[in-house]
Amino acid sequence: MKEGDLLHIKGHNDDNTVSTWYCELVGIDEDGQLEVFYLEKTSLCEGFVWSYRTEWDTLSPECVIRSFTPTKETYLATMREFGFHATVEENQFLRVDADIPSHVVVPMVLDSDVESTHEGDSDLNDFIVDDDEANEPFTHAEPTSDFVRDTHKAVNDYNKWVPKSREEARVKSFIDGMAAKYQTSDDNRHFVNGDHVDYLHPKVTQ
């Protein structure tokens, strides 16, 4: 076993029963005890979300039932084998075998093991500009073409979209989360210049 391994543990519950507990190995102390962060059920989304504890615990290697070794390329698949789906929300996981009711909106599951794209992987490589490399704050294009006007209209229409199903709500949650992440990063660049961009309401007409 090594740091980063995911472990199934023989756990002893308060009612004296034994069940499988889940944790991540983060170290081994000088006495050979395993230092781990337990993955536990939370109260989020009616109890369907699991998260790692904020404090680590120690346990004996004899408690380990099974270990899983994820890599960057196989992390999501290994996590599923471990018993959980990773989601778009940091430190929020869903049980693979959970039967989640349709009325419960949970974070969107990450369903691809691709951590990054490489040259030639996408037809959009020539279209997408890495903001970190460009190092220029975002600005709205002037609505002087049908393409720009249609794009700006789509953004404005999205703001009025009300999801009508759990799956649509997950999609919206994912999009909103990604948008907030990059808007915050770009807004910091504008702040340095003393200006601001209204990302959500681009102009449709001049």
N, C-alpha and C. Protein backbone atom coordinates (compact mmCIF):
# COMPACT_ATOMS: atom_id res chain seq x y z
N MET A 1 0.85 -1.20 0.00
CA MET A 1 0.00 0.00 0.00
C MET A 1 0.87 1.24 0.00
N LYS A 2 0.36 2.31 -0.62
CA LYS A 2 1.11 3.55 -0.67
C LYS A 2 0.16 4.74 -0.57
N GLU A 3 0.73 5.91 -0.33
CA GLU A 3 -0.07 7.12 -0.21
C GLU A 3 -0.93 7.31 -1.45
N GLY A 4 -2.19 7.67 -1.24
CA GLY A 4 -3.11 7.87 -2.36
C GLY A 4 -3.98 6.67 -2.64
N ASP A 5 -3.64 5.52 -2.05
CA ASP A 5 -4.48 4.33 -2.25
C ASP A 5 -5.84 4.52 -1.58
N LEU A 6 -6.86 3.95 -2.19
CA LEU A 6 -8.20 3.94 -1.62
C LEU A 6 -8.41 2.61 -0.93
N LEU A 7 -8.97 2.63 0.27
CA LEU A 7 -9.04 1.41 1.06
C LEU A 7 -10.46 1.07 1.50
N HIS A 8 -10.78 -0.21 1.43
CA HIS A 8 -11.95 -0.75 2.11
C HIS A 8 -11.47 -1.26 3.47
N ILE A 9 -12.15 -0.81 4.53
CA ILE A 9 -11.73 -1.12 5.89
C ILE A 9 -12.81 -1.92 6.61
N LYS A 10 -12.39 -2.86 7.44
CA LYS A 10 -13.33 -3.57 8.31
C LYS A 10 -13.63 -2.65 9.49
N GLY A 11 -14.79 -2.01 9.42
CA GLY A 11 -15.14 -1.03 10.43
C GLY A 11 -16.09 -1.57 11.48
N HIS A 12 -15.89 -1.13 12.71
CA HIS A 12 -16.74 -1.55 13.82
C HIS A 12 -17.70 -0.40 14.17
N ASN A 13 -18.97 -0.63 13.98
CA ASN A 13 -19.98 0.39 14.19
C ASN A 13 -20.36 0.52 15.66
N ASP A 14 -21.07 1.60 15.98
CA ASP A 14 -21.47 1.86 17.36
C ASP A 14 -22.39 0.78 17.91
N ASP A 15 -23.12 0.09 17.02
CA ASP A 15 -24.05 -0.94 17.49
C ASP A 15 -23.39 -2.33 17.52
N ASN A 16 -22.04 -2.32 17.51
CA ASN A 16 -21.24 -3.55 17.60
C ASN A 16 -21.30 -4.43 16.35
N THR A 17 -21.86 -3.90 15.26
CA THR A 17 -21.82 -4.63 14.00
C THR A 17 -20.56 -4.25 13.23
N VAL A 18 -20.24 -5.04 12.24
CA VAL A 18 -19.06 -4.78 11.42
C VAL A 18 -19.50 -4.54 9.98
N SER A 19 -18.97 -3.50 9.36
CA SER A 19 -19.31 -3.20 7.97
C SER A 19 -18.09 -2.61 7.28
N THR A 20 -18.20 -2.43 5.98
CA THR A 20 -17.09 -1.87 5.21
C THR A 20 -17.08 -0.35 5.35
N TRP A 21 -15.93 0.18 5.74
CA TRP A 21 -15.72 1.62 5.78
C TRP A 21 -14.80 2.00 4.62
N TYR A 22 -14.76 3.28 4.30
CA TYR A 22 -14.02 3.74 3.13
C TYR A 22 -13.06 4.86 3.53
N CYS A 23 -11.87 4.83 2.97
CA CYS A 23 -10.91 5.88 3.31
C CYS A 23 -9.82 5.97 2.26
N GLU A 24 -9.02 7.04 2.37
CA GLU A 24 -7.86 7.22 1.51
C GLU A 24 -6.61 7.23 2.38
N LEU A 25 -5.61 6.49 1.97
CA LEU A 25 -4.35 6.42 2.70
C LEU A 25 -3.50 7.65 2.38
N VAL A 26 -3.09 8.36 3.44
CA VAL A 26 -2.29 9.57 3.22
C VAL A 26 -0.91 9.47 3.84
N GLY A 27 -0.65 8.39 4.59
CA GLY A 27 0.67 8.23 5.18
C GLY A 27 0.74 6.99 6.05
N ILE A 28 1.95 6.64 6.43
CA ILE A 28 2.20 5.53 7.35
C ILE A 28 3.15 6.04 8.43
N ASP A 29 2.72 5.97 9.70
CA ASP A 29 3.56 6.53 10.75
C ASP A 29 4.71 5.59 11.12
N GLU A 30 5.55 6.02 12.05
CA GLU A 30 6.76 5.28 12.40
C GLU A 30 6.45 3.93 13.05
N ASP A 31 5.22 3.77 13.54
CA ASP A 31 4.81 2.50 14.15
C ASP A 31 4.12 1.58 13.15
N GLY A 32 4.06 2.00 11.90
CA GLY A 32 3.43 1.18 10.88
C GLY A 32 1.92 1.32 10.81
N GLN A 33 1.37 2.29 11.56
CA GLN A 33 -0.06 2.53 11.51
C GLN A 33 -0.41 3.37 10.26
N LEU A 34 -1.55 3.08 9.69
CA LEU A 34 -1.98 3.80 8.49
C LEU A 34 -2.66 5.11 8.87
N GLU A 35 -2.28 6.18 8.22
CA GLU A 35 -2.91 7.48 8.43
C GLU A 35 -3.89 7.69 7.27
N VAL A 36 -5.16 7.86 7.61
CA VAL A 36 -6.19 7.89 6.56
C VAL A 36 -7.20 9.01 6.80
N PHE A 37 -7.85 9.39 5.72
CA PHE A 37 -9.02 10.26 5.78
C PHE A 37 -10.23 9.38 5.43
N TYR A 38 -11.18 9.31 6.34
CA TYR A 38 -12.38 8.50 6.09
C TYR A 38 -13.34 9.24 5.17
N LEU A 39 -13.98 8.48 4.30
CA LEU A 39 -15.03 8.98 3.43
C LEU A 39 -16.37 8.61 4.07
N GLU A 40 -17.17 9.62 4.41
CA GLU A 40 -18.38 9.38 5.17
C GLU A 40 -19.61 10.04 4.54
N LYS A 41 -20.75 9.49 4.84
CA LYS A 41 -22.02 10.06 4.39
C LYS A 41 -22.25 11.40 5.07
N THR A 42 -22.77 12.37 4.30
CA THR A 42 -23.08 13.69 4.86
C THR A 42 -24.59 13.88 4.84
N SER A 43 -25.02 15.06 5.25
CA SER A 43 -26.44 15.39 5.21
C SER A 43 -26.83 16.08 3.91
N LEU A 44 -25.86 16.31 3.02
CA LEU A 44 -26.13 17.00 1.77
C LEU A 44 -27.00 16.15 0.85
N CYS A 45 -27.91 16.80 0.15
CA CYS A 45 -28.77 16.12 -0.83
C CYS A 45 -29.44 14.90 -0.21
N GLU A 46 -30.05 15.14 0.94
CA GLU A 46 -30.79 14.10 1.67
C GLU A 46 -29.92 12.88 2.01
N GLY A 47 -28.63 13.13 2.22
CA GLY A 47 -27.74 12.07 2.66
C GLY A 47 -27.10 11.26 1.55
N PHE A 48 -27.29 11.65 0.31
CA PHE A 48 -26.71 10.87 -0.79
C PHE A 48 -25.28 11.29 -1.12
N VAL A 49 -24.82 12.40 -0.58
CA VAL A 49 -23.46 12.87 -0.84
C VAL A 49 -22.52 12.41 0.26
N TRP A 50 -21.38 11.90 -0.14
CA TRP A 50 -20.32 11.48 0.78
C TRP A 50 -19.13 12.42 0.62
N SER A 51 -18.42 12.67 1.71
CA SER A 51 -17.25 13.55 1.67
C SER A 51 -16.17 13.02 2.61
N TYR A 52 -14.92 13.42 2.33
CA TYR A 52 -13.83 13.06 3.22
C TYR A 52 -13.86 13.92 4.47
N ARG A 53 -13.52 13.33 5.61
CA ARG A 53 -13.39 14.08 6.85
C ARG A 53 -12.30 15.14 6.71
N THR A 54 -12.38 16.14 7.55
CA THR A 54 -11.35 17.19 7.53
C THR A 54 -10.15 16.83 8.41
N GLU A 55 -10.30 15.79 9.25
CA GLU A 55 -9.20 15.36 10.10
C GLU A 55 -8.87 13.89 9.82
N TRP A 56 -7.58 13.55 9.92
CA TRP A 56 -7.17 12.19 9.62
C TRP A 56 -7.20 11.32 10.86
N ASP A 57 -7.27 10.02 10.64
CA ASP A 57 -7.27 9.02 11.71
C ASP A 57 -6.18 7.99 11.43
N THR A 58 -5.89 7.17 12.42
CA THR A 58 -4.93 6.08 12.22
C THR A 58 -5.62 4.74 12.45
N LEU A 59 -5.13 3.72 11.76
CA LEU A 59 -5.69 2.37 11.94
C LEU A 59 -4.62 1.34 11.62
N SER A 60 -4.88 0.13 12.02
CA SER A 60 -3.94 -0.95 11.79
C SER A 60 -4.08 -1.49 10.37
N PRO A 61 -2.96 -1.85 9.75
CA PRO A 61 -3.02 -2.45 8.40
C PRO A 61 -3.89 -3.72 8.38
N GLU A 62 -4.05 -4.37 9.52
CA GLU A 62 -4.85 -5.59 9.58
C GLU A 62 -6.33 -5.33 9.31
N CYS A 63 -6.74 -4.06 9.41
CA CYS A 63 -8.15 -3.72 9.17
C CYS A 63 -8.49 -3.63 7.69
N VAL A 64 -7.46 -3.60 6.85
CA VAL A 64 -7.68 -3.39 5.42
C VAL A 64 -8.25 -4.64 4.77
N ILE A 65 -9.37 -4.48 4.09
CA ILE A 65 -9.99 -5.58 3.36
C ILE A 65 -9.47 -5.62 1.92
N ARG A 66 -9.38 -4.43 1.32
CA ARG A 66 -8.96 -4.35 -0.07
C ARG A 66 -8.41 -2.94 -0.34
N SER A 67 -7.44 -2.85 -1.21
CA SER A 67 -6.87 -1.55 -1.56
C SER A 67 -6.98 -1.33 -3.07
N PHE A 68 -7.09 -0.07 -3.46
CA PHE A 68 -7.21 0.33 -4.86
C PHE A 68 -6.18 1.42 -5.11
N THR A 69 -5.46 1.33 -6.23
CA THR A 69 -4.42 2.31 -6.53
C THR A 69 -4.81 3.11 -7.77
N PRO A 70 -5.34 4.31 -7.58
CA PRO A 70 -5.71 5.14 -8.73
C PRO A 70 -4.51 5.86 -9.32
N THR A 71 -4.57 6.15 -10.59
CA THR A 71 -3.59 7.01 -11.25
C THR A 71 -4.33 8.17 -11.87
N LYS A 72 -3.60 9.13 -12.40
CA LYS A 72 -4.25 10.27 -13.03
C LYS A 72 -5.15 9.83 -14.16
N GLU A 73 -4.70 8.83 -14.93
CA GLU A 73 -5.46 8.38 -16.09
C GLU A 73 -6.65 7.49 -15.71
N THR A 74 -6.59 6.82 -14.56
CA THR A 74 -7.63 5.85 -14.21
C THR A 74 -8.40 6.24 -12.96
N TYR A 75 -8.23 7.47 -12.49
CA TYR A 75 -8.80 7.85 -11.20
C TYR A 75 -10.31 7.60 -11.13
N LEU A 76 -11.05 8.06 -12.13
CA LEU A 76 -12.51 7.93 -12.08
C LEU A 76 -12.95 6.47 -12.13
N ALA A 77 -12.30 5.69 -12.97
CA ALA A 77 -12.65 4.27 -13.07
C ALA A 77 -12.31 3.54 -11.77
N THR A 78 -11.16 3.88 -11.17
CA THR A 78 -10.77 3.25 -9.91
C THR A 78 -11.71 3.67 -8.79
N MET A 79 -12.12 4.94 -8.80
CA MET A 79 -13.07 5.41 -7.80
C MET A 79 -14.39 4.66 -7.91
N ARG A 80 -14.83 4.38 -9.14
CA ARG A 80 -16.06 3.62 -9.32
C ARG A 80 -15.90 2.19 -8.80
N GLU A 81 -14.73 1.59 -9.06
CA GLU A 81 -14.47 0.25 -8.54
C GLU A 81 -14.45 0.28 -7.02
N PHE A 82 -13.95 1.36 -6.47
CA PHE A 82 -13.92 1.57 -5.02
C PHE A 82 -15.33 1.67 -4.45
N GLY A 83 -16.27 2.12 -5.32
CA GLY A 83 -17.68 2.17 -4.91
C GLY A 83 -18.34 3.52 -5.01
N PHE A 84 -17.63 4.51 -5.61
CA PHE A 84 -18.17 5.87 -5.63
C PHE A 84 -17.96 6.54 -6.98
N HIS A 85 -18.87 7.46 -7.28
CA HIS A 85 -18.71 8.35 -8.42
C HIS A 85 -18.12 9.67 -7.92
N ALA A 86 -17.09 10.15 -8.58
CA ALA A 86 -16.63 11.52 -8.33
C ALA A 86 -17.61 12.47 -9.02
N THR A 87 -17.79 13.67 -8.49
CA THR A 87 -18.71 14.64 -9.08
C THR A 87 -17.98 15.93 -9.42
N VAL A 88 -18.70 16.84 -10.05
CA VAL A 88 -18.11 18.13 -10.41
C VAL A 88 -17.83 18.99 -9.19
N GLU A 89 -18.41 18.64 -8.05
CA GLU A 89 -18.17 19.39 -6.82
C GLU A 89 -17.00 18.77 -6.06
N GLU A 90 -16.09 19.62 -5.60
CA GLU A 90 -14.93 19.14 -4.86
C GLU A 90 -15.35 18.44 -3.57
N ASN A 91 -14.75 17.28 -3.32
CA ASN A 91 -15.00 16.50 -2.11
C ASN A 91 -16.47 16.15 -1.94
N GLN A 92 -17.15 15.85 -3.03
CA GLN A 92 -18.52 15.36 -2.97
C GLN A 92 -18.63 14.14 -3.89
N PHE A 93 -19.00 13.01 -3.31
CA PHE A 93 -19.05 11.75 -4.04
C PHE A 93 -20.41 11.09 -3.86
N LEU A 94 -20.77 10.24 -4.82
CA LEU A 94 -22.04 9.51 -4.77
C LEU A 94 -21.76 8.02 -4.83
N ARG A 95 -22.49 7.25 -4.03
CA ARG A 95 -22.34 5.80 -4.08
C ARG A 95 -22.78 5.28 -5.45
N VAL A 96 -22.00 4.37 -6.00
CA VAL A 96 -22.33 3.77 -7.29
C VAL A 96 -23.65 3.03 -7.22
N ASP A 97 -23.92 2.39 -6.09
CA ASP A 97 -25.14 1.59 -5.97
C ASP A 97 -26.32 2.35 -5.37
N ALA A 98 -26.19 3.68 -5.25
CA ALA A 98 -27.27 4.46 -4.64
C ALA A 98 -28.45 4.58 -5.59
N ASP A 99 -29.64 4.40 -5.06
CA ASP A 99 -30.88 4.57 -5.82
C ASP A 99 -31.43 5.95 -5.45
N ILE A 100 -31.01 6.96 -6.19
CA ILE A 100 -31.34 8.34 -5.84
C ILE A 100 -32.70 8.71 -6.42
N PRO A 101 -33.66 9.12 -5.59
CA PRO A 101 -34.99 9.50 -6.08
C PRO A 101 -34.91 10.66 -7.07
N SER A 102 -35.87 10.73 -7.96
CA SER A 102 -35.84 11.74 -9.02
C SER A 102 -35.95 13.16 -8.49
N HIS A 103 -36.52 13.33 -7.29
CA HIS A 103 -36.70 14.69 -6.78
C HIS A 103 -35.44 15.23 -6.10
N VAL A 104 -34.45 14.38 -5.89
CA VAL A 104 -33.22 14.80 -5.21
C VAL A 104 -32.20 15.24 -6.26
N VAL A 105 -31.79 16.49 -6.22
CA VAL A 105 -30.81 17.02 -7.16
C VAL A 105 -29.43 16.90 -6.54
N VAL A 106 -28.58 16.12 -7.16
CA VAL A 106 -27.23 15.89 -6.66
C VAL A 106 -26.22 16.43 -7.67
N PRO A 107 -24.96 16.63 -7.26
CA PRO A 107 -23.95 17.11 -8.20
C PRO A 107 -23.79 16.17 -9.39
N MET A 108 -23.44 16.74 -10.53
CA MET A 108 -23.27 15.93 -11.74
C MET A 108 -22.05 15.03 -11.62
N VAL A 109 -22.22 13.79 -12.05
CA VAL A 109 -21.14 12.80 -12.00
C VAL A 109 -20.13 13.06 -13.10
N LEU A 110 -18.84 12.95 -12.75
CA LEU A 110 -17.80 12.99 -13.76
C LEU A 110 -17.72 11.62 -14.39
N ASP A 111 -17.94 11.56 -15.69
CA ASP A 111 -18.05 10.25 -16.33
C ASP A 111 -16.98 9.99 -17.37
N SER A 112 -15.87 10.74 -17.30
CA SER A 112 -14.78 10.51 -18.24
C SER A 112 -13.47 10.46 -17.48
N ASP A 113 -12.58 9.56 -17.90
CA ASP A 113 -11.26 9.45 -17.27
C ASP A 113 -10.24 10.36 -17.94
N VAL A 114 -10.68 11.15 -18.90
CA VAL A 114 -9.75 12.03 -19.60
C VAL A 114 -9.48 13.25 -18.73
N GLU A 115 -8.25 13.38 -18.25
CA GLU A 115 -7.90 14.50 -17.38
C GLU A 115 -7.53 15.74 -18.17
N SER A 116 -7.04 15.54 -19.38
CA SER A 116 -6.64 16.67 -20.19
C SER A 116 -6.66 16.27 -21.64
N THR A 117 -6.77 17.23 -22.52
CA THR A 117 -6.75 16.93 -23.95
C THR A 117 -5.36 17.21 -24.50
N HIS A 118 -5.05 16.55 -25.57
CA HIS A 118 -3.76 16.73 -26.21
C HIS A 118 -3.98 17.23 -27.63
N GLU A 119 -2.94 17.72 -28.20
CA GLU A 119 -3.05 18.28 -29.55
C GLU A 119 -3.61 17.24 -30.49
N GLY A 120 -4.66 17.62 -31.23
CA GLY A 120 -5.27 16.70 -32.18
C GLY A 120 -6.44 15.96 -31.61
N ASP A 121 -6.69 16.08 -30.29
CA ASP A 121 -7.78 15.35 -29.67
C ASP A 121 -9.14 15.95 -30.01
N SER A 122 -9.18 17.23 -30.35
CA SER A 122 -10.46 17.88 -30.56
C SER A 122 -10.40 18.81 -31.76
N ASP A 123 -11.52 18.89 -32.46
CA ASP A 123 -11.60 19.82 -33.58
C ASP A 123 -11.62 21.26 -33.11
N LEU A 124 -11.78 21.48 -31.79
CA LEU A 124 -11.88 22.83 -31.25
C LEU A 124 -10.52 23.39 -30.83
N ASN A 125 -9.44 22.63 -31.02
CA ASN A 125 -8.14 23.09 -30.55
C ASN A 125 -7.75 24.44 -31.13
N ASP A 126 -8.11 24.69 -32.38
CA ASP A 126 -7.75 25.96 -33.00
C ASP A 126 -8.71 27.07 -32.62
N PHE A 127 -9.83 26.71 -31.98
CA PHE A 127 -10.85 27.69 -31.64
C PHE A 127 -10.71 28.18 -30.20
N ILE A 128 -10.30 27.26 -29.29
CA ILE A 128 -10.22 27.59 -27.87
C ILE A 128 -8.85 28.17 -27.54
N VAL A 129 -8.85 29.27 -26.84
CA VAL A 129 -7.62 29.93 -26.42
C VAL A 129 -7.47 29.76 -24.92
N ASP A 130 -6.32 29.29 -24.48
CA ASP A 130 -6.05 29.13 -23.06
C ASP A 130 -5.89 30.51 -22.45
N ASP A 131 -6.76 30.86 -21.51
CA ASP A 131 -6.72 32.18 -20.89
C ASP A 131 -5.41 32.44 -20.19
N ASP A 132 -4.83 31.39 -19.58
CA ASP A 132 -3.58 31.58 -18.87
C ASP A 132 -2.45 31.93 -19.83
N GLU A 133 -2.52 31.35 -21.05
CA GLU A 133 -1.48 31.65 -22.02
C GLU A 133 -1.74 33.01 -22.67
N ALA A 134 -2.98 33.29 -22.99
CA ALA A 134 -3.31 34.56 -23.60
C ALA A 134 -3.12 35.70 -22.61
N ASN A 135 -3.44 35.45 -21.34
CA ASN A 135 -3.26 36.42 -20.27
C ASN A 135 -3.99 37.73 -20.55
N GLU A 136 -5.08 37.65 -21.27
CA GLU A 136 -5.88 38.84 -21.57
C GLU A 136 -7.27 38.65 -20.99
N PRO A 137 -7.82 39.68 -20.33
CA PRO A 137 -9.18 39.57 -19.79
C PRO A 137 -10.19 39.37 -20.91
N PHE A 138 -11.28 38.69 -20.58
CA PHE A 138 -12.34 38.42 -21.55
C PHE A 138 -13.12 39.70 -21.86
N THR A 139 -13.49 39.86 -23.11
CA THR A 139 -14.39 40.95 -23.49
C THR A 139 -15.43 40.38 -24.46
N HIS A 140 -16.63 40.94 -24.41
CA HIS A 140 -17.68 40.49 -25.32
C HIS A 140 -17.39 40.97 -26.73
N ALA A 141 -17.66 40.10 -27.70
CA ALA A 141 -17.54 40.52 -29.09
C ALA A 141 -18.69 41.46 -29.43
N GLU A 142 -18.43 42.39 -30.28
CA GLU A 142 -19.49 43.29 -30.71
C GLU A 142 -20.48 42.53 -31.60
N PRO A 143 -21.78 42.74 -31.41
CA PRO A 143 -22.79 42.00 -32.18
C PRO A 143 -22.93 42.51 -33.60
N THR A 144 -21.86 42.30 -34.38
CA THR A 144 -21.86 42.79 -35.77
C THR A 144 -22.07 41.67 -36.78
N SER A 145 -22.27 40.43 -36.29
CA SER A 145 -22.49 39.31 -37.20
C SER A 145 -23.59 38.43 -36.63
N ASP A 146 -24.19 37.62 -37.50
CA ASP A 146 -25.25 36.72 -37.06
C ASP A 146 -24.73 35.74 -36.01
N PHE A 147 -23.50 35.26 -36.20
CA PHE A 147 -22.94 34.30 -35.26
C PHE A 147 -22.85 34.90 -33.85
N VAL A 148 -22.32 36.10 -33.74
CA VAL A 148 -22.18 36.74 -32.44
C VAL A 148 -23.55 37.02 -31.83
N ARG A 149 -24.47 37.52 -32.66
CA ARG A 149 -25.81 37.82 -32.14
C ARG A 149 -26.51 36.54 -31.65
N ASP A 150 -26.38 35.46 -32.42
CA ASP A 150 -27.00 34.19 -32.01
C ASP A 150 -26.37 33.65 -30.73
N THR A 151 -25.07 33.79 -30.62
CA THR A 151 -24.37 33.32 -29.42
C THR A 151 -24.80 34.12 -28.20
N HIS A 152 -24.86 35.44 -28.33
CA HIS A 152 -25.28 36.29 -27.21
C HIS A 152 -26.73 36.03 -26.83
N LYS A 153 -27.56 35.78 -27.84
CA LYS A 153 -28.97 35.47 -27.55
C LYS A 153 -29.07 34.16 -26.77
N ALA A 154 -28.24 33.18 -27.15
CA ALA A 154 -28.27 31.89 -26.45
C ALA A 154 -27.88 32.05 -24.99
N VAL A 155 -26.91 32.92 -24.72
CA VAL A 155 -26.49 33.18 -23.34
C VAL A 155 -27.64 33.80 -22.55
N ASN A 156 -28.28 34.78 -23.13
CA ASN A 156 -29.40 35.44 -22.46
C ASN A 156 -30.59 34.49 -22.26
N ASP A 157 -30.84 33.63 -23.25
CA ASP A 157 -31.93 32.65 -23.11
C ASP A 157 -31.61 31.64 -22.02
N TYR A 158 -30.32 31.28 -21.89
CA TYR A 158 -29.93 30.32 -20.86
C TYR A 158 -30.24 30.87 -19.46
N ASN A 159 -30.09 32.17 -19.29
CA ASN A 159 -30.36 32.78 -17.98
C ASN A 159 -31.82 32.60 -17.55
N LYS A 160 -32.70 32.39 -18.52
CA LYS A 160 -34.12 32.24 -18.22
C LYS A 160 -34.53 30.76 -18.12
N TRP A 161 -33.59 29.88 -18.37
CA TRP A 161 -33.90 28.45 -18.41
C TRP A 161 -34.18 27.91 -17.02
N VAL A 162 -35.32 27.24 -16.88
CA VAL A 162 -35.67 26.59 -15.62
C VAL A 162 -35.71 25.08 -15.88
N PRO A 163 -34.77 24.31 -15.31
CA PRO A 163 -34.73 22.86 -15.53
C PRO A 163 -36.05 22.19 -15.13
N LYS A 164 -36.46 21.20 -15.93
CA LYS A 164 -37.73 20.51 -15.66
C LYS A 164 -37.54 19.05 -15.27
N SER A 165 -36.28 18.63 -15.11
CA SER A 165 -36.01 17.26 -14.69
C SER A 165 -34.72 17.24 -13.88
N ARG A 166 -34.49 16.13 -13.20
CA ARG A 166 -33.28 16.01 -12.41
C ARG A 166 -32.04 16.09 -13.29
N GLU A 167 -32.10 15.45 -14.46
CA GLU A 167 -30.95 15.45 -15.35
C GLU A 167 -30.66 16.85 -15.86
N GLU A 168 -31.71 17.60 -16.21
CA GLU A 168 -31.52 18.98 -16.65
C GLU A 168 -30.93 19.83 -15.52
N ALA A 169 -31.38 19.57 -14.29
CA ALA A 169 -30.86 20.31 -13.15
C ALA A 169 -29.38 20.02 -12.94
N ARG A 170 -28.98 18.76 -13.17
CA ARG A 170 -27.57 18.40 -13.04
C ARG A 170 -26.74 19.12 -14.10
N VAL A 171 -27.27 19.15 -15.32
CA VAL A 171 -26.56 19.83 -16.41
C VAL A 171 -26.39 21.31 -16.07
N LYS A 172 -27.46 21.93 -15.59
CA LYS A 172 -27.40 23.36 -15.26
C LYS A 172 -26.42 23.60 -14.11
N SER A 173 -26.42 22.70 -13.12
CA SER A 173 -25.50 22.84 -12.00
C SER A 173 -24.05 22.76 -12.48
N PHE A 174 -23.80 21.85 -13.42
CA PHE A 174 -22.45 21.71 -13.96
C PHE A 174 -22.03 22.96 -14.72
N ILE A 175 -22.91 23.45 -15.59
CA ILE A 175 -22.59 24.64 -16.39
C ILE A 175 -22.38 25.84 -15.49
N ASP A 176 -23.27 26.03 -14.52
CA ASP A 176 -23.15 27.17 -13.61
C ASP A 176 -21.86 27.11 -12.81
N GLY A 177 -21.49 25.90 -12.39
CA GLY A 177 -20.25 25.75 -11.62
C GLY A 177 -19.02 26.09 -12.44
N MET A 178 -18.98 25.61 -13.68
CA MET A 178 -17.86 25.92 -14.55
C MET A 178 -17.81 27.41 -14.88
N ALA A 179 -18.98 27.99 -15.13
CA ALA A 179 -19.03 29.41 -15.45
C ALA A 179 -18.53 30.25 -14.29
N ALA A 180 -18.98 29.92 -13.08
CA ALA A 180 -18.57 30.69 -11.90
C ALA A 180 -17.06 30.62 -11.70
N LYS A 181 -16.49 29.43 -11.93
CA LYS A 181 -15.05 29.25 -11.75
C LYS A 181 -14.26 30.18 -12.68
N TYR A 182 -14.61 30.17 -13.97
CA TYR A 182 -13.84 30.95 -14.92
C TYR A 182 -14.19 32.43 -14.89
N GLN A 183 -15.43 32.74 -14.53
CA GLN A 183 -15.80 34.15 -14.40
C GLN A 183 -15.05 34.80 -13.25
N THR A 184 -14.91 34.07 -12.15
CA THR A 184 -14.19 34.61 -11.00
C THR A 184 -12.73 34.86 -11.36
N SER A 185 -12.13 33.89 -12.05
CA SER A 185 -10.73 34.05 -12.46
C SER A 185 -10.56 35.26 -13.38
N ASP A 186 -11.46 35.38 -14.37
CA ASP A 186 -11.34 36.49 -15.32
C ASP A 186 -11.68 37.82 -14.65
N ASP A 187 -12.64 37.79 -13.73
CA ASP A 187 -13.04 39.03 -13.06
C ASP A 187 -11.87 39.62 -12.28
N ASN A 188 -11.02 38.76 -11.74
CA ASN A 188 -9.84 39.25 -11.02
C ASN A 188 -8.91 40.02 -11.95
N ARG A 189 -8.83 39.58 -13.20
CA ARG A 189 -8.00 40.30 -14.17
C ARG A 189 -8.58 41.67 -14.48
N HIS A 190 -9.91 41.70 -14.61
CA HIS A 190 -10.55 42.99 -14.88
C HIS A 190 -10.40 43.92 -13.68
N PHE A 191 -10.46 43.37 -12.48
CA PHE A 191 -10.35 44.18 -11.27
C PHE A 191 -9.02 44.93 -11.25
N VAL A 192 -7.96 44.24 -11.68
CA VAL A 192 -6.64 44.87 -11.72
C VAL A 192 -6.65 46.07 -12.65
N ASN A 193 -7.44 45.98 -13.72
CA ASN A 193 -7.52 47.08 -14.69
C ASN A 193 -8.58 48.12 -14.32
N GLY A 194 -9.29 47.86 -13.21
CA GLY A 194 -10.30 48.81 -12.77
C GLY A 194 -11.58 48.77 -13.56
N ASP A 195 -11.90 47.63 -14.20
CA ASP A 195 -13.14 47.54 -14.96
C ASP A 195 -13.87 46.25 -14.62
N HIS A 196 -14.96 45.99 -15.31
CA HIS A 196 -15.79 44.82 -15.02
C HIS A 196 -16.58 44.45 -16.26
N VAL A 197 -16.87 43.15 -16.41
CA VAL A 197 -17.67 42.66 -17.53
C VAL A 197 -18.92 41.98 -17.00
N ASP A 198 -20.06 42.30 -17.60
CA ASP A 198 -21.31 41.61 -17.26
C ASP A 198 -21.37 40.35 -18.12
N TYR A 199 -20.88 39.23 -17.57
CA TYR A 199 -20.77 37.99 -18.34
C TYR A 199 -22.12 37.43 -18.75
N LEU A 200 -23.14 37.66 -17.95
CA LEU A 200 -24.42 36.99 -18.13
C LEU A 200 -25.35 37.71 -19.10
N HIS A 201 -25.03 38.95 -19.45
CA HIS A 201 -25.97 39.72 -20.30
C HIS A 201 -25.23 40.40 -21.46
N PRO A 202 -24.70 39.61 -22.39
CA PRO A 202 -24.05 40.21 -23.56
C PRO A 202 -25.06 40.89 -24.48
N LYS A 203 -24.60 41.91 -25.20
CA LYS A 203 -25.49 42.65 -26.09
C LYS A 203 -25.84 41.82 -27.33
N VAL A 204 -27.11 41.88 -27.71
CA VAL A 204 -27.56 41.20 -28.91
C VAL A 204 -27.59 42.16 -30.10
N THR A 205 -27.80 43.43 -29.79
CA THR A 205 -27.80 44.47 -30.84
C THR A 205 -26.81 45.56 -30.47
N GLN A 206 -26.37 46.30 -31.45
CA GLN A 206 -25.43 47.39 -31.19
C GLN A 206 -26.15 48.61 -30.64
